[in-house]
Amino acid sequence: MQPVIRRIKRSDASEMQAAVLESVGHIRPWLDWCTPSYRLSDAVNWTQDAASKWQEGSDYRFVIEEPESGLMLGSVAIRTVCRTNRVGDLGYWLRKRALGQGYCTKAVKLAIEYGFEQLGFQRIEMRILPDNAASNAVAFRLGASFDGLQEDKIIHKGEAKMANCYSFAAPVSCRNIYQKTDIALVDTSVQSVSGF
């Protein structure tokens, strides 16, 4: 089944909290913020921050959603790390009940396409802890270029750690879409993006 991705909305906070609490067991080893004490106020703050960061062009957060039910399956985001060269850093997570069904790979593919075609990124990178087999498998399935195991590339449990670094370059058809160094904002009503 093909998931859709859409912008985070403030009304997603309650479902966000539920998805996080359902998924602590498999997410907590990799993402410090995912704890059994994740509160509704944490989710509200996250959705509000998502809206302001999108407007300033520094962080584009999406809900991964099952189209038939509207169930939040997780989230994928691209954070701007270099405006001048239009480089983004991609991260994602999936709730427990959605694991093993191909949702994550499909949603990340949609986000990458959106990042290149709509947001004007020229390069999208992924930094993944070496022991995170599931996330490394997503990068592999998507055909990411492996840029090597590099030191001090990810902060985990308050320390800079080594990470497997992957990257995607914008297809030729998407290069130089935007002449300005600012990343253009997209229509806030986007509901889904097709695969590439």
N, C-alpha and C. Protein backbone atom coordinates (compact mmCIF):
# COMPACT_ATOMS: atom_id res chain seq x y z
N MET A 1 0.84 -1.19 0.00
CA MET A 1 0.00 0.00 0.00
C MET A 1 0.88 1.25 0.00
N GLN A 2 0.49 2.23 -0.78
CA GLN A 2 1.26 3.46 -0.91
C GLN A 2 0.83 4.47 0.15
N PRO A 3 1.73 4.89 1.05
CA PRO A 3 1.37 5.93 2.00
C PRO A 3 1.37 7.29 1.31
N VAL A 4 0.83 8.29 1.98
CA VAL A 4 0.95 9.67 1.53
C VAL A 4 1.75 10.42 2.58
N ILE A 5 2.33 11.53 2.16
CA ILE A 5 2.97 12.42 3.12
C ILE A 5 2.28 13.78 2.99
N ARG A 6 2.18 14.46 4.11
CA ARG A 6 1.60 15.80 4.11
C ARG A 6 2.25 16.60 5.22
N ARG A 7 2.09 17.91 5.14
CA ARG A 7 2.66 18.77 6.17
C ARG A 7 2.05 18.47 7.53
N ILE A 8 2.87 18.61 8.54
CA ILE A 8 2.41 18.50 9.93
C ILE A 8 1.43 19.64 10.20
N LYS A 9 0.34 19.33 10.91
CA LYS A 9 -0.63 20.35 11.34
C LYS A 9 -0.68 20.36 12.87
N ARG A 10 -1.09 21.47 13.44
CA ARG A 10 -1.21 21.55 14.90
C ARG A 10 -2.18 20.50 15.43
N SER A 11 -3.20 20.17 14.64
CA SER A 11 -4.19 19.19 15.08
C SER A 11 -3.64 17.76 15.12
N ASP A 12 -2.40 17.56 14.65
CA ASP A 12 -1.78 16.23 14.67
C ASP A 12 -1.20 15.87 16.04
N ALA A 13 -1.19 16.80 16.98
CA ALA A 13 -0.46 16.60 18.23
C ALA A 13 -0.91 15.36 19.00
N SER A 14 -2.21 15.16 19.15
CA SER A 14 -2.71 14.04 19.93
C SER A 14 -2.32 12.70 19.31
N GLU A 15 -2.48 12.59 18.00
CA GLU A 15 -2.11 11.35 17.31
C GLU A 15 -0.59 11.16 17.32
N MET A 16 0.13 12.27 17.26
CA MET A 16 1.59 12.21 17.34
C MET A 16 2.01 11.60 18.68
N GLN A 17 1.42 12.09 19.76
CA GLN A 17 1.75 11.54 21.07
C GLN A 17 1.44 10.04 21.13
N ALA A 18 0.27 9.65 20.63
CA ALA A 18 -0.12 8.24 20.65
C ALA A 18 0.86 7.39 19.84
N ALA A 19 1.28 7.88 18.69
CA ALA A 19 2.21 7.13 17.84
C ALA A 19 3.57 6.98 18.52
N VAL A 20 4.02 8.04 19.15
CA VAL A 20 5.32 7.99 19.85
C VAL A 20 5.26 7.01 21.01
N LEU A 21 4.22 7.10 21.84
CA LEU A 21 4.12 6.22 23.01
C LEU A 21 3.99 4.76 22.60
N GLU A 22 3.33 4.50 21.50
CA GLU A 22 3.22 3.13 20.98
C GLU A 22 4.58 2.58 20.55
N SER A 23 5.50 3.47 20.21
CA SER A 23 6.72 3.08 19.51
C SER A 23 8.00 3.23 20.31
N VAL A 24 7.88 3.54 21.59
CA VAL A 24 9.07 3.78 22.41
C VAL A 24 10.06 2.62 22.33
N GLY A 25 9.54 1.39 22.35
CA GLY A 25 10.42 0.22 22.37
C GLY A 25 11.40 0.15 21.22
N HIS A 26 10.97 0.50 20.01
CA HIS A 26 11.89 0.37 18.88
C HIS A 26 12.51 1.71 18.44
N ILE A 27 11.97 2.84 18.90
CA ILE A 27 12.54 4.13 18.49
C ILE A 27 13.54 4.67 19.51
N ARG A 28 13.26 4.46 20.80
CA ARG A 28 14.10 5.04 21.85
C ARG A 28 15.60 4.74 21.71
N PRO A 29 15.99 3.54 21.27
CA PRO A 29 17.44 3.30 21.14
C PRO A 29 18.14 4.25 20.17
N TRP A 30 17.39 4.89 19.28
CA TRP A 30 17.99 5.72 18.23
C TRP A 30 17.65 7.20 18.36
N LEU A 31 16.51 7.52 18.95
CA LEU A 31 16.07 8.92 19.05
C LEU A 31 15.83 9.28 20.51
N ASP A 32 16.64 10.17 21.03
CA ASP A 32 16.62 10.51 22.46
C ASP A 32 15.30 11.07 22.95
N TRP A 33 14.58 11.76 22.09
CA TRP A 33 13.33 12.41 22.51
C TRP A 33 12.19 11.42 22.71
N CYS A 34 12.33 10.21 22.21
CA CYS A 34 11.25 9.21 22.28
C CYS A 34 11.34 8.46 23.62
N THR A 35 10.55 8.91 24.59
CA THR A 35 10.58 8.33 25.93
C THR A 35 9.16 7.98 26.38
N PRO A 36 9.02 7.12 27.39
CA PRO A 36 7.69 6.80 27.91
C PRO A 36 6.98 8.00 28.53
N SER A 37 7.73 9.06 28.80
CA SER A 37 7.13 10.26 29.40
C SER A 37 6.83 11.34 28.35
N TYR A 38 6.80 10.97 27.07
CA TYR A 38 6.47 11.93 26.01
C TYR A 38 5.03 12.40 26.21
N ARG A 39 4.87 13.72 26.44
CA ARG A 39 3.55 14.28 26.80
C ARG A 39 2.86 14.93 25.61
N LEU A 40 1.58 15.17 25.78
CA LEU A 40 0.83 15.88 24.75
C LEU A 40 1.44 17.26 24.52
N SER A 41 1.88 17.91 25.57
CA SER A 41 2.50 19.24 25.41
C SER A 41 3.78 19.16 24.57
N ASP A 42 4.51 18.04 24.65
CA ASP A 42 5.70 17.87 23.80
C ASP A 42 5.28 17.81 22.33
N ALA A 43 4.20 17.07 22.07
CA ALA A 43 3.72 16.94 20.70
C ALA A 43 3.17 18.28 20.18
N VAL A 44 2.46 19.02 21.03
CA VAL A 44 1.95 20.34 20.64
C VAL A 44 3.12 21.26 20.29
N ASN A 45 4.13 21.29 21.13
CA ASN A 45 5.31 22.12 20.86
C ASN A 45 5.98 21.72 19.55
N TRP A 46 6.03 20.42 19.29
CA TRP A 46 6.67 19.92 18.08
C TRP A 46 5.90 20.36 16.83
N THR A 47 4.57 20.28 16.89
CA THR A 47 3.77 20.69 15.73
C THR A 47 3.84 22.20 15.51
N GLN A 48 3.86 22.98 16.60
CA GLN A 48 3.98 24.43 16.47
C GLN A 48 5.34 24.81 15.91
N ASP A 49 6.38 24.15 16.39
CA ASP A 49 7.73 24.41 15.91
C ASP A 49 7.84 24.03 14.42
N ALA A 50 7.15 22.95 14.04
CA ALA A 50 7.17 22.52 12.63
C ALA A 50 6.63 23.62 11.72
N ALA A 51 5.54 24.26 12.14
CA ALA A 51 4.94 25.31 11.31
C ALA A 51 5.88 26.50 11.15
N SER A 52 6.51 26.94 12.23
CA SER A 52 7.40 28.10 12.14
C SER A 52 8.68 27.78 11.37
N LYS A 53 9.20 26.57 11.57
CA LYS A 53 10.44 26.20 10.86
C LYS A 53 10.18 26.05 9.35
N TRP A 54 8.99 25.56 9.00
CA TRP A 54 8.65 25.45 7.57
C TRP A 54 8.64 26.84 6.95
N GLN A 55 8.00 27.79 7.64
CA GLN A 55 7.91 29.16 7.10
C GLN A 55 9.28 29.80 6.92
N GLU A 56 10.20 29.52 7.82
CA GLU A 56 11.54 30.12 7.70
C GLU A 56 12.45 29.32 6.77
N GLY A 57 11.99 28.15 6.32
CA GLY A 57 12.76 27.36 5.36
C GLY A 57 13.91 26.58 5.96
N SER A 58 13.79 26.23 7.24
CA SER A 58 14.90 25.51 7.87
C SER A 58 14.60 24.05 8.19
N ASP A 59 13.32 23.66 8.13
CA ASP A 59 12.95 22.31 8.54
C ASP A 59 11.57 22.00 7.95
N TYR A 60 11.50 20.95 7.15
CA TYR A 60 10.25 20.58 6.49
C TYR A 60 9.80 19.23 7.03
N ARG A 61 8.78 19.24 7.88
CA ARG A 61 8.30 18.03 8.54
C ARG A 61 6.98 17.57 7.94
N PHE A 62 6.92 16.27 7.71
CA PHE A 62 5.74 15.65 7.12
C PHE A 62 5.21 14.53 8.01
N VAL A 63 3.91 14.35 7.98
CA VAL A 63 3.27 13.17 8.54
C VAL A 63 3.29 12.10 7.45
N ILE A 64 3.59 10.87 7.84
CA ILE A 64 3.39 9.72 6.96
C ILE A 64 2.01 9.18 7.33
N GLU A 65 1.15 9.05 6.34
CA GLU A 65 -0.25 8.73 6.62
C GLU A 65 -0.75 7.58 5.73
N GLU A 66 -1.56 6.73 6.32
CA GLU A 66 -2.24 5.70 5.56
C GLU A 66 -3.44 6.35 4.88
N PRO A 67 -3.53 6.30 3.55
CA PRO A 67 -4.57 7.08 2.87
C PRO A 67 -6.00 6.66 3.19
N GLU A 68 -6.25 5.37 3.34
CA GLU A 68 -7.62 4.92 3.58
C GLU A 68 -8.14 5.32 4.95
N SER A 69 -7.33 5.11 5.98
CA SER A 69 -7.79 5.35 7.35
C SER A 69 -7.42 6.74 7.88
N GLY A 70 -6.41 7.37 7.27
CA GLY A 70 -5.91 8.63 7.80
C GLY A 70 -5.01 8.45 9.01
N LEU A 71 -4.67 7.20 9.34
CA LEU A 71 -3.82 6.91 10.51
C LEU A 71 -2.42 7.47 10.31
N MET A 72 -1.90 8.16 11.33
CA MET A 72 -0.52 8.63 11.30
C MET A 72 0.40 7.42 11.49
N LEU A 73 1.24 7.20 10.51
CA LEU A 73 2.16 6.07 10.54
C LEU A 73 3.53 6.45 11.08
N GLY A 74 3.85 7.75 11.06
CA GLY A 74 5.15 8.21 11.50
C GLY A 74 5.42 9.59 10.92
N SER A 75 6.70 9.89 10.78
CA SER A 75 7.07 11.21 10.28
C SER A 75 8.38 11.12 9.50
N VAL A 76 8.52 12.01 8.54
CA VAL A 76 9.76 12.17 7.79
C VAL A 76 10.01 13.67 7.67
N ALA A 77 11.26 14.08 7.77
CA ALA A 77 11.58 15.51 7.73
C ALA A 77 12.90 15.73 7.00
N ILE A 78 12.99 16.90 6.38
CA ILE A 78 14.25 17.33 5.76
C ILE A 78 14.61 18.67 6.38
N ARG A 79 15.76 18.70 7.04
CA ARG A 79 16.25 19.91 7.69
C ARG A 79 17.31 20.55 6.79
N THR A 80 17.22 21.85 6.60
CA THR A 80 18.21 22.55 5.79
C THR A 80 19.51 22.66 6.59
N VAL A 81 20.60 22.16 6.01
CA VAL A 81 21.89 22.28 6.69
C VAL A 81 22.81 23.29 6.00
N CYS A 82 22.53 23.60 4.74
CA CYS A 82 23.31 24.62 4.03
C CYS A 82 22.42 25.28 2.99
N ARG A 83 22.01 26.52 3.28
CA ARG A 83 21.13 27.25 2.35
C ARG A 83 21.84 27.56 1.04
N THR A 84 23.10 27.96 1.13
CA THR A 84 23.82 28.39 -0.07
C THR A 84 23.90 27.28 -1.11
N ASN A 85 24.23 26.08 -0.66
CA ASN A 85 24.36 24.95 -1.58
C ASN A 85 23.11 24.07 -1.63
N ARG A 86 22.08 24.47 -0.88
CA ARG A 86 20.80 23.77 -0.84
C ARG A 86 20.97 22.28 -0.50
N VAL A 87 21.56 22.05 0.69
CA VAL A 87 21.78 20.70 1.20
C VAL A 87 20.83 20.46 2.37
N GLY A 88 20.19 19.30 2.38
CA GLY A 88 19.29 18.95 3.46
C GLY A 88 19.70 17.66 4.14
N ASP A 89 19.26 17.50 5.38
CA ASP A 89 19.51 16.30 6.17
C ASP A 89 18.17 15.65 6.46
N LEU A 90 18.03 14.38 6.10
CA LEU A 90 16.74 13.69 6.19
C LEU A 90 16.71 12.74 7.38
N GLY A 91 15.57 12.76 8.09
CA GLY A 91 15.34 11.84 9.19
C GLY A 91 13.92 11.32 9.15
N TYR A 92 13.66 10.18 9.82
CA TYR A 92 12.34 9.57 9.77
C TYR A 92 12.16 8.60 10.92
N TRP A 93 10.91 8.31 11.21
CA TRP A 93 10.56 7.25 12.15
C TRP A 93 9.18 6.73 11.79
N LEU A 94 8.92 5.50 12.21
CA LEU A 94 7.66 4.85 11.91
C LEU A 94 7.10 4.24 13.19
N ARG A 95 5.78 4.33 13.36
CA ARG A 95 5.17 3.76 14.56
C ARG A 95 5.17 2.23 14.48
N LYS A 96 5.06 1.61 15.64
CA LYS A 96 5.23 0.16 15.75
C LYS A 96 4.31 -0.63 14.83
N ARG A 97 3.02 -0.31 14.80
CA ARG A 97 2.07 -1.12 14.03
C ARG A 97 2.30 -1.03 12.52
N ALA A 98 3.10 -0.06 12.07
CA ALA A 98 3.34 0.12 10.64
C ALA A 98 4.64 -0.53 10.16
N LEU A 99 5.38 -1.13 11.07
CA LEU A 99 6.68 -1.71 10.71
C LEU A 99 6.52 -2.90 9.76
N GLY A 100 7.53 -3.10 8.93
CA GLY A 100 7.60 -4.28 8.08
C GLY A 100 6.64 -4.32 6.91
N GLN A 101 6.08 -3.18 6.53
CA GLN A 101 5.11 -3.15 5.44
C GLN A 101 5.56 -2.27 4.26
N GLY A 102 6.78 -1.79 4.32
CA GLY A 102 7.31 -0.96 3.24
C GLY A 102 6.92 0.50 3.31
N TYR A 103 6.17 0.89 4.35
CA TYR A 103 5.72 2.29 4.45
C TYR A 103 6.88 3.28 4.54
N CYS A 104 7.87 2.94 5.35
CA CYS A 104 8.95 3.89 5.58
C CYS A 104 9.73 4.17 4.30
N THR A 105 10.12 3.12 3.60
CA THR A 105 10.88 3.30 2.36
C THR A 105 10.09 4.13 1.36
N LYS A 106 8.80 3.83 1.20
CA LYS A 106 7.97 4.57 0.25
C LYS A 106 7.82 6.03 0.66
N ALA A 107 7.60 6.28 1.95
CA ALA A 107 7.42 7.66 2.41
C ALA A 107 8.71 8.47 2.29
N VAL A 108 9.83 7.86 2.61
CA VAL A 108 11.12 8.56 2.48
C VAL A 108 11.38 8.88 1.02
N LYS A 109 11.04 7.97 0.13
CA LYS A 109 11.20 8.23 -1.31
C LYS A 109 10.35 9.43 -1.74
N LEU A 110 9.12 9.50 -1.24
CA LEU A 110 8.26 10.65 -1.55
C LEU A 110 8.87 11.95 -1.03
N ALA A 111 9.40 11.92 0.17
CA ALA A 111 10.00 13.13 0.76
C ALA A 111 11.22 13.58 -0.02
N ILE A 112 12.03 12.63 -0.46
CA ILE A 112 13.22 12.98 -1.24
C ILE A 112 12.81 13.63 -2.55
N GLU A 113 11.83 13.03 -3.22
CA GLU A 113 11.35 13.61 -4.48
C GLU A 113 10.81 15.02 -4.24
N TYR A 114 10.04 15.18 -3.19
CA TYR A 114 9.47 16.49 -2.87
C TYR A 114 10.58 17.50 -2.58
N GLY A 115 11.58 17.05 -1.85
CA GLY A 115 12.71 17.93 -1.53
C GLY A 115 13.42 18.44 -2.77
N PHE A 116 13.59 17.57 -3.75
CA PHE A 116 14.26 17.98 -4.98
C PHE A 116 13.33 18.81 -5.88
N GLU A 117 12.11 18.32 -6.11
CA GLU A 117 11.24 18.94 -7.10
C GLU A 117 10.53 20.19 -6.61
N GLN A 118 10.17 20.23 -5.33
CA GLN A 118 9.39 21.35 -4.82
C GLN A 118 10.18 22.31 -3.93
N LEU A 119 11.16 21.80 -3.22
CA LEU A 119 11.90 22.64 -2.28
C LEU A 119 13.25 23.08 -2.82
N GLY A 120 13.69 22.53 -3.93
CA GLY A 120 14.91 22.99 -4.57
C GLY A 120 16.20 22.49 -3.96
N PHE A 121 16.15 21.44 -3.15
CA PHE A 121 17.40 20.90 -2.62
C PHE A 121 18.23 20.32 -3.76
N GLN A 122 19.54 20.44 -3.64
CA GLN A 122 20.45 19.86 -4.62
C GLN A 122 21.09 18.57 -4.12
N ARG A 123 21.08 18.40 -2.80
CA ARG A 123 21.66 17.20 -2.18
C ARG A 123 20.90 16.93 -0.89
N ILE A 124 20.57 15.68 -0.65
CA ILE A 124 19.91 15.29 0.59
C ILE A 124 20.76 14.19 1.22
N GLU A 125 21.09 14.38 2.49
CA GLU A 125 21.96 13.46 3.21
C GLU A 125 21.20 12.73 4.31
N MET A 126 21.72 11.57 4.68
CA MET A 126 21.19 10.80 5.80
C MET A 126 22.38 10.39 6.67
N ARG A 127 22.21 10.54 7.99
CA ARG A 127 23.24 10.13 8.95
C ARG A 127 22.60 9.13 9.89
N ILE A 128 23.11 7.92 9.91
CA ILE A 128 22.46 6.84 10.64
C ILE A 128 23.46 6.11 11.51
N LEU A 129 23.09 5.87 12.76
CA LEU A 129 23.96 5.10 13.65
C LEU A 129 24.19 3.72 13.04
N PRO A 130 25.42 3.22 13.08
CA PRO A 130 25.74 1.94 12.44
C PRO A 130 24.89 0.77 12.92
N ASP A 131 24.50 0.75 14.19
CA ASP A 131 23.72 -0.36 14.73
C ASP A 131 22.22 -0.29 14.40
N ASN A 132 21.79 0.81 13.81
CA ASN A 132 20.37 0.96 13.47
C ASN A 132 20.10 0.26 12.13
N ALA A 133 19.93 -1.05 12.22
CA ALA A 133 19.81 -1.87 11.01
C ALA A 133 18.63 -1.46 10.15
N ALA A 134 17.48 -1.18 10.75
CA ALA A 134 16.28 -0.85 9.98
C ALA A 134 16.47 0.43 9.16
N SER A 135 17.04 1.47 9.76
CA SER A 135 17.24 2.73 9.03
C SER A 135 18.32 2.60 7.97
N ASN A 136 19.37 1.85 8.26
CA ASN A 136 20.39 1.60 7.24
C ASN A 136 19.80 0.84 6.07
N ALA A 137 18.87 -0.07 6.34
CA ALA A 137 18.23 -0.84 5.27
C ALA A 137 17.39 0.05 4.36
N VAL A 138 16.72 1.06 4.94
CA VAL A 138 15.95 2.00 4.13
C VAL A 138 16.86 2.73 3.15
N ALA A 139 18.00 3.23 3.64
CA ALA A 139 18.95 3.93 2.77
C ALA A 139 19.42 3.01 1.65
N PHE A 140 19.71 1.77 2.00
CA PHE A 140 20.17 0.79 1.01
C PHE A 140 19.09 0.53 -0.04
N ARG A 141 17.85 0.31 0.40
CA ARG A 141 16.76 0.02 -0.53
C ARG A 141 16.50 1.18 -1.50
N LEU A 142 16.75 2.40 -1.03
CA LEU A 142 16.52 3.57 -1.88
C LEU A 142 17.69 3.87 -2.82
N GLY A 143 18.76 3.11 -2.70
CA GLY A 143 19.90 3.30 -3.58
C GLY A 143 20.74 4.51 -3.25
N ALA A 144 20.77 4.89 -1.98
CA ALA A 144 21.58 6.04 -1.57
C ALA A 144 23.06 5.76 -1.80
N SER A 145 23.82 6.81 -2.12
CA SER A 145 25.27 6.68 -2.19
C SER A 145 25.81 6.57 -0.77
N PHE A 146 26.65 5.59 -0.51
CA PHE A 146 27.24 5.44 0.81
C PHE A 146 28.52 6.26 0.85
N ASP A 147 28.54 7.28 1.70
CA ASP A 147 29.67 8.19 1.78
C ASP A 147 30.66 7.80 2.87
N GLY A 148 30.39 6.69 3.56
CA GLY A 148 31.33 6.16 4.53
C GLY A 148 30.88 6.33 5.97
N LEU A 149 31.57 5.62 6.84
CA LEU A 149 31.39 5.75 8.28
C LEU A 149 32.24 6.92 8.73
N GLN A 150 31.60 7.97 9.26
CA GLN A 150 32.32 9.20 9.57
C GLN A 150 32.16 9.57 11.03
N GLU A 151 33.21 10.15 11.59
CA GLU A 151 33.21 10.54 13.00
C GLU A 151 32.39 11.81 13.23
N ASP A 152 31.84 11.89 14.44
CA ASP A 152 31.16 13.10 14.92
C ASP A 152 30.07 13.61 13.97
N LYS A 153 29.29 12.71 13.41
CA LYS A 153 28.26 13.10 12.46
C LYS A 153 26.85 13.08 13.03
N ILE A 154 26.69 12.56 14.23
CA ILE A 154 25.36 12.48 14.82
C ILE A 154 25.47 12.64 16.33
N ILE A 155 24.55 13.38 16.93
CA ILE A 155 24.53 13.52 18.39
C ILE A 155 23.53 12.50 18.93
N HIS A 156 24.02 11.63 19.80
CA HIS A 156 23.17 10.59 20.38
C HIS A 156 23.50 10.47 21.85
N LYS A 157 22.47 10.59 22.68
CA LYS A 157 22.63 10.56 24.14
C LYS A 157 23.66 11.58 24.60
N GLY A 158 23.60 12.75 23.96
CA GLY A 158 24.44 13.87 24.36
C GLY A 158 25.88 13.83 23.88
N GLU A 159 26.22 12.86 23.05
CA GLU A 159 27.60 12.74 22.58
C GLU A 159 27.64 12.67 21.06
N ALA A 160 28.71 13.21 20.49
CA ALA A 160 28.93 13.11 19.05
C ALA A 160 29.39 11.68 18.75
N LYS A 161 28.70 11.04 17.82
CA LYS A 161 29.00 9.64 17.50
C LYS A 161 29.30 9.48 16.01
N MET A 162 29.91 8.35 15.70
CA MET A 162 30.13 7.99 14.30
C MET A 162 28.80 7.61 13.67
N ALA A 163 28.69 7.87 12.39
CA ALA A 163 27.46 7.54 11.68
C ALA A 163 27.78 7.05 10.28
N ASN A 164 26.93 6.16 9.78
CA ASN A 164 26.96 5.82 8.37
C ASN A 164 26.34 7.00 7.63
N CYS A 165 27.07 7.55 6.67
CA CYS A 165 26.59 8.72 5.94
C CYS A 165 26.22 8.33 4.52
N TYR A 166 25.02 8.75 4.12
CA TYR A 166 24.48 8.45 2.80
C TYR A 166 24.06 9.76 2.15
N SER A 167 23.92 9.74 0.84
CA SER A 167 23.45 10.96 0.16
C SER A 167 22.73 10.62 -1.14
N PHE A 168 21.91 11.59 -1.55
CA PHE A 168 21.21 11.56 -2.83
C PHE A 168 21.49 12.90 -3.51
N ALA A 169 21.81 12.87 -4.79
CA ALA A 169 21.99 14.10 -5.56
C ALA A 169 20.73 14.34 -6.37
N ALA A 170 20.38 15.60 -6.53
CA ALA A 170 19.18 15.95 -7.30
C ALA A 170 19.33 15.44 -8.73
N PRO A 171 18.25 14.86 -9.28
CA PRO A 171 18.29 14.47 -10.69
C PRO A 171 18.55 15.71 -11.56
N VAL A 172 19.11 15.49 -12.71
CA VAL A 172 19.42 16.60 -13.62
C VAL A 172 18.19 17.45 -13.88
N SER A 173 17.02 16.82 -13.98
CA SER A 173 15.79 17.56 -14.27
C SER A 173 15.40 18.52 -13.15
N CYS A 174 15.96 18.32 -11.95
CA CYS A 174 15.60 19.17 -10.81
C CYS A 174 16.68 20.19 -10.46
N ARG A 175 17.81 20.10 -11.08
CA ARG A 175 18.91 20.98 -10.71
C ARG A 175 18.66 22.41 -11.17
N ASN A 176 19.09 23.32 -10.34
CA ASN A 176 19.00 24.76 -10.63
C ASN A 176 17.57 25.22 -10.89
N ILE A 177 16.62 24.61 -10.21
CA ILE A 177 15.23 25.07 -10.30
C ILE A 177 15.11 26.49 -9.75
N TYR A 178 15.82 26.72 -8.65
CA TYR A 178 15.76 28.02 -7.98
C TYR A 178 17.09 28.72 -8.15
N GLN A 179 17.04 29.94 -8.63
CA GLN A 179 18.26 30.70 -8.84
C GLN A 179 18.73 31.39 -7.56
N LYS A 180 17.78 31.68 -6.66
CA LYS A 180 18.13 32.32 -5.40
C LYS A 180 18.67 31.28 -4.43
N THR A 181 19.40 31.72 -3.40
CA THR A 181 19.91 30.78 -2.41
C THR A 181 18.84 30.41 -1.40
N ASP A 182 17.75 31.17 -1.35
CA ASP A 182 16.66 30.82 -0.43
C ASP A 182 15.89 29.64 -0.98
N ILE A 183 15.52 28.74 -0.11
CA ILE A 183 14.69 27.62 -0.54
C ILE A 183 13.25 28.11 -0.62
N ALA A 184 12.63 27.88 -1.75
CA ALA A 184 11.26 28.35 -1.95
C ALA A 184 10.29 27.54 -1.10
N LEU A 185 9.27 28.18 -0.60
CA LEU A 185 8.23 27.50 0.17
C LEU A 185 7.18 26.97 -0.79
N VAL A 186 6.52 25.91 -0.37
CA VAL A 186 5.52 25.31 -1.23
C VAL A 186 4.13 25.55 -0.67
N ASP A 187 3.14 25.24 -1.48
CA ASP A 187 1.74 25.38 -1.10
C ASP A 187 1.45 24.59 0.18
N THR A 188 0.86 25.23 1.16
CA THR A 188 0.60 24.57 2.44
C THR A 188 -0.50 23.54 2.38
N SER A 189 -1.20 23.44 1.26
CA SER A 189 -2.31 22.50 1.19
C SER A 189 -1.91 21.15 0.59
N VAL A 190 -0.60 20.93 0.40
CA VAL A 190 -0.15 19.68 -0.21
C VAL A 190 -0.64 18.48 0.61
N GLN A 191 -1.25 17.52 -0.05
CA GLN A 191 -1.76 16.33 0.62
C GLN A 191 -0.91 15.11 0.35
N SER A 192 -0.35 14.98 -0.83
CA SER A 192 0.46 13.81 -1.13
C SER A 192 1.39 14.11 -2.30
N VAL A 193 2.36 13.25 -2.46
CA VAL A 193 3.33 13.41 -3.52
C VAL A 193 3.47 12.04 -4.16
N SER A 194 3.58 11.99 -5.47
CA SER A 194 3.74 10.70 -6.13
C SER A 194 5.19 10.26 -6.06
N GLY A 195 5.44 8.96 -6.21
CA GLY A 195 6.78 8.42 -6.16
C GLY A 195 7.58 8.76 -7.42
N PHE A 196 8.88 8.47 -7.37
CA PHE A 196 9.70 8.71 -8.56
C PHE A 196 10.43 7.44 -8.95
